[in-house]
Amino acid sequence: MADITARMADLKARIDELASLAASEHRERASSLAGSLAEELERLGEEPPAAPTSTVPPPRAPRDEVERCPVCSLRSYRFQRGTIRESEYGGFEAFYRCGSCAHEGWQALA
């Protein structure tokens, strides 16, 4: 994630440079810079996202697969099997869907 942040900051700086070069006396430099930025953005979009590297195996399904929905407050918020993933903030989360109001969301596993 840090690698992409540094690359995006570099792209932003180059875009700012391009904006300052937009005057007519720098038209060629602006054109070549715009071309290189377009190529780099295309390459950036083609790279697959880095898979999270976890040494901890994912937990088993939650003990209680049905919970109270945070929207309609009915007890129909169901765990969707096969949806456990590692959270960005540490730990694991699972995808739940309400059978009553169709609310969906990721919820941390205890």
C-alpha atoms as a PDB file:
ATOM      1  CA  MET A   1       0.000   0.000   0.000  1.00  0.00           C
ATOM      2  CA  ALA A   2       2.888   2.354   0.769  1.00  0.00           C
ATOM      3  CA  ASP A   3       4.313   1.735  -2.707  1.00  0.00           C
ATOM      4  CA  ILE A   4       1.107   2.859  -4.418  1.00  0.00           C
ATOM      5  CA  THR A   5       0.872   5.902  -2.140  1.00  0.00           C
ATOM      6  CA  ALA A   6       4.350   7.056  -3.146  1.00  0.00           C
ATOM      7  CA  ARG A   7       3.592   6.468  -6.827  1.00  0.00           C
ATOM      8  CA  MET A   8       0.333   8.384  -6.621  1.00  0.00           C
ATOM      9  CA  ALA A   9       2.099  11.299  -4.856  1.00  0.00           C
ATOM     10  CA  ASP A  10       4.654  11.358  -7.687  1.00  0.00           C
ATOM     11  CA  LEU A  11       1.864  11.387 -10.270  1.00  0.00           C
ATOM     12  CA  LYS A  12       0.172  14.268  -8.461  1.00  0.00           C
ATOM     13  CA  ALA A  13       3.407  16.273  -8.474  1.00  0.00           C
ATOM     14  CA  ARG A  14       3.832  15.630 -12.189  1.00  0.00           C
ATOM     15  CA  ILE A  15       0.254  16.651 -12.900  1.00  0.00           C
ATOM     16  CA  ASP A  16       0.883  19.903 -11.008  1.00  0.00           C
ATOM     17  CA  GLU A  17       3.973  20.416 -13.166  1.00  0.00           C
ATOM     18  CA  LEU A  18       1.876  19.799 -16.261  1.00  0.00           C
ATOM     19  CA  ALA A  19      -0.610  22.424 -15.168  1.00  0.00           C
ATOM     20  CA  SER A  20       2.162  24.976 -14.755  1.00  0.00           C
ATOM     21  CA  LEU A  21       3.528  24.120 -18.213  1.00  0.00           C
ATOM     22  CA  ALA A  22       0.216  24.705 -19.934  1.00  0.00           C
ATOM     23  CA  ALA A  23       1.363  28.113 -21.199  1.00  0.00           C
ATOM     24  CA  SER A  24       1.927  28.288 -24.964  1.00  0.00           C
ATOM     25  CA  GLU A  25       5.752  28.508 -24.713  1.00  0.00           C
ATOM     26  CA  HIS A  26       5.902  25.071 -23.027  1.00  0.00           C
ATOM     27  CA  ARG A  27       3.394  23.255 -25.216  1.00  0.00           C
ATOM     28  CA  GLU A  28       5.803  20.467 -26.352  1.00  0.00           C
ATOM     29  CA  ARG A  29       6.998  19.664 -22.820  1.00  0.00           C
ATOM     30  CA  ALA A  30       3.401  19.617 -21.564  1.00  0.00           C
ATOM     31  CA  SER A  31       2.382  17.255 -24.359  1.00  0.00           C
ATOM     32  CA  SER A  32       5.189  14.778 -23.667  1.00  0.00           C
ATOM     33  CA  LEU A  33       4.523  14.907 -19.907  1.00  0.00           C
ATOM     34  CA  ALA A  34       0.819  14.271 -20.458  1.00  0.00           C
ATOM     35  CA  GLY A  35       1.660  11.252 -22.635  1.00  0.00           C
ATOM     36  CA  SER A  36       3.978   9.743 -20.028  1.00  0.00           C
ATOM     37  CA  LEU A  37       1.381  10.307 -17.293  1.00  0.00           C
ATOM     38  CA  ALA A  38      -1.294   8.582 -19.354  1.00  0.00           C
ATOM     39  CA  GLU A  39       0.969   5.569 -19.943  1.00  0.00           C
ATOM     40  CA  GLU A  40       1.838   5.295 -16.259  1.00  0.00           C
ATOM     41  CA  LEU A  41      -1.804   5.505 -15.199  1.00  0.00           C
ATOM     42  CA  GLU A  42      -2.666   2.720 -17.665  1.00  0.00           C
ATOM     43  CA  ARG A  43       0.085   0.501 -16.234  1.00  0.00           C
ATOM     44  CA  LEU A  44      -1.057   1.289 -12.718  1.00  0.00           C
ATOM     45  CA  GLY A  45      -4.609   0.245 -13.592  1.00  0.00           C
ATOM     46  CA  GLU A  46      -3.429  -3.048 -15.136  1.00  0.00           C
ATOM     47  CA  GLU A  47      -1.480  -4.222 -12.085  1.00  0.00           C
ATOM     48  CA  PRO A  48      -3.433  -6.698  -9.949  1.00  0.00           C
ATOM     49  CA  PRO A  49      -4.034  -5.571  -6.379  1.00  0.00           C
ATOM     50  CA  ALA A  50      -1.629  -7.049  -3.869  1.00  0.00           C
ATOM     51  CA  ALA A  51      -3.148  -9.960  -2.006  1.00  0.00           C
ATOM     52  CA  PRO A  52      -3.072  -9.634   1.758  1.00  0.00           C
ATOM     53  CA  THR A  53      -0.332 -11.796   3.208  1.00  0.00           C
ATOM     54  CA  SER A  54      -1.550 -13.415   6.365  1.00  0.00           C
ATOM     55  CA  THR A  55       0.160 -16.100   8.387  1.00  0.00           C
ATOM     56  CA  VAL A  56      -2.955 -16.634  10.476  1.00  0.00           C
ATOM     57  CA  PRO A  57      -5.594 -18.928   8.964  1.00  0.00           C
ATOM     58  CA  PRO A  58      -9.071 -17.415   8.698  1.00  0.00           C
ATOM     59  CA  PRO A  59     -11.413 -18.253  11.562  1.00  0.00           C
ATOM     60  CA  ARG A  60     -14.314 -20.614  11.264  1.00  0.00           C
ATOM     61  CA  ALA A  61     -17.835 -19.381  10.659  1.00  0.00           C
ATOM     62  CA  PRO A  62     -19.366 -17.407  13.535  1.00  0.00           C
ATOM     63  CA  ARG A  63     -21.082 -19.473  16.206  1.00  0.00           C
ATOM     64  CA  ASP A  64     -24.339 -17.530  15.838  1.00  0.00           C
ATOM     65  CA  GLU A  65     -24.941 -17.023  12.114  1.00  0.00           C
ATOM     66  CA  VAL A  66     -28.025 -14.819  12.616  1.00  0.00           C
ATOM     67  CA  GLU A  67     -27.881 -11.435  14.350  1.00  0.00           C
ATOM     68  CA  ARG A  68     -30.031  -8.350  14.833  1.00  0.00           C
ATOM     69  CA  CYS A  69     -29.980  -6.124  11.724  1.00  0.00           C
ATOM     70  CA  PRO A  70     -28.493  -2.655  12.384  1.00  0.00           C
ATOM     71  CA  VAL A  71     -31.093  -1.051  10.063  1.00  0.00           C
ATOM     72  CA  CYS A  72     -34.453  -2.697  10.694  1.00  0.00           C
ATOM     73  CA  SER A  73     -33.508  -4.254  14.089  1.00  0.00           C
ATOM     74  CA  LEU A  74     -35.139  -7.576  13.206  1.00  0.00           C
ATOM     75  CA  ARG A  75     -33.193 -10.746  13.899  1.00  0.00           C
ATOM     76  CA  SER A  76     -32.640 -11.607  10.238  1.00  0.00           C
ATOM     77  CA  TYR A  77     -29.066 -10.382   9.597  1.00  0.00           C
ATOM     78  CA  ARG A  78     -27.500 -13.606   8.292  1.00  0.00           C
ATOM     79  CA  PHE A  79     -23.866 -14.557   7.797  1.00  0.00           C
ATOM     80  CA  GLN A  80     -23.112 -15.372   4.150  1.00  0.00           C
ATOM     81  CA  ARG A  81     -20.991 -18.527   3.964  1.00  0.00           C
ATOM     82  CA  GLY A  82     -17.622 -18.246   2.246  1.00  0.00           C
ATOM     83  CA  THR A  83     -17.266 -14.504   2.812  1.00  0.00           C
ATOM     84  CA  ILE A  84     -14.730 -14.309   5.632  1.00  0.00           C
ATOM     85  CA  ARG A  85     -11.806 -12.032   4.771  1.00  0.00           C
ATOM     86  CA  GLU A  86      -8.954 -10.297   6.563  1.00  0.00           C
ATOM     87  CA  SER A  87      -9.867  -6.799   7.690  1.00  0.00           C
ATOM     88  CA  GLU A  88      -7.754  -3.764   6.807  1.00  0.00           C
ATOM     89  CA  TYR A  89      -7.731  -2.880  10.500  1.00  0.00           C
ATOM     90  CA  GLY A  90      -6.619  -6.261  11.808  1.00  0.00           C
ATOM     91  CA  GLY A  91      -8.608  -9.369  12.547  1.00  0.00           C
ATOM     92  CA  PHE A  92     -11.257 -10.827  10.278  1.00  0.00           C
ATOM     93  CA  GLU A  93     -14.675  -9.771   9.035  1.00  0.00           C
ATOM     94  CA  ALA A  94     -17.600 -11.534   7.393  1.00  0.00           C
ATOM     95  CA  PHE A  95     -20.337 -10.407   5.035  1.00  0.00           C
ATOM     96  CA  TYR A  96     -23.909 -10.308   6.377  1.00  0.00           C
ATOM     97  CA  ARG A  97     -27.210  -9.735   4.573  1.00  0.00           C
ATOM     98  CA  CYS A  98     -30.607  -8.988   6.121  1.00  0.00           C
ATOM     99  CA  GLY A  99     -33.432 -11.202   4.919  1.00  0.00           C
ATOM    100  CA  SER A 100     -35.999  -8.565   5.832  1.00  0.00           C
ATOM    101  CA  CYS A 101     -34.759  -5.171   4.611  1.00  0.00           C
ATOM    102  CA  ALA A 102     -31.912  -6.411   2.289  1.00  0.00           C
ATOM    103  CA  HIS A 103     -29.255  -4.392   4.164  1.00  0.00           C
ATOM    104  CA  GLU A 104     -25.754  -5.756   3.478  1.00  0.00           C
ATOM    105  CA  GLY A 105     -22.466  -5.128   5.203  1.00  0.00           C
ATOM    106  CA  TRP A 106     -19.164  -6.396   6.537  1.00  0.00           C
ATOM    107  CA  GLN A 107     -19.014  -7.072  10.238  1.00  0.00           C
ATOM    108  CA  ALA A 108     -15.988  -7.814  12.439  1.00  0.00           C
ATOM    109  CA  LEU A 109     -15.744 -11.349  13.796  1.00  0.00           C
ATOM    110  CA  ALA A 110     -15.126 -11.686  17.518  1.00  0.00           C
END
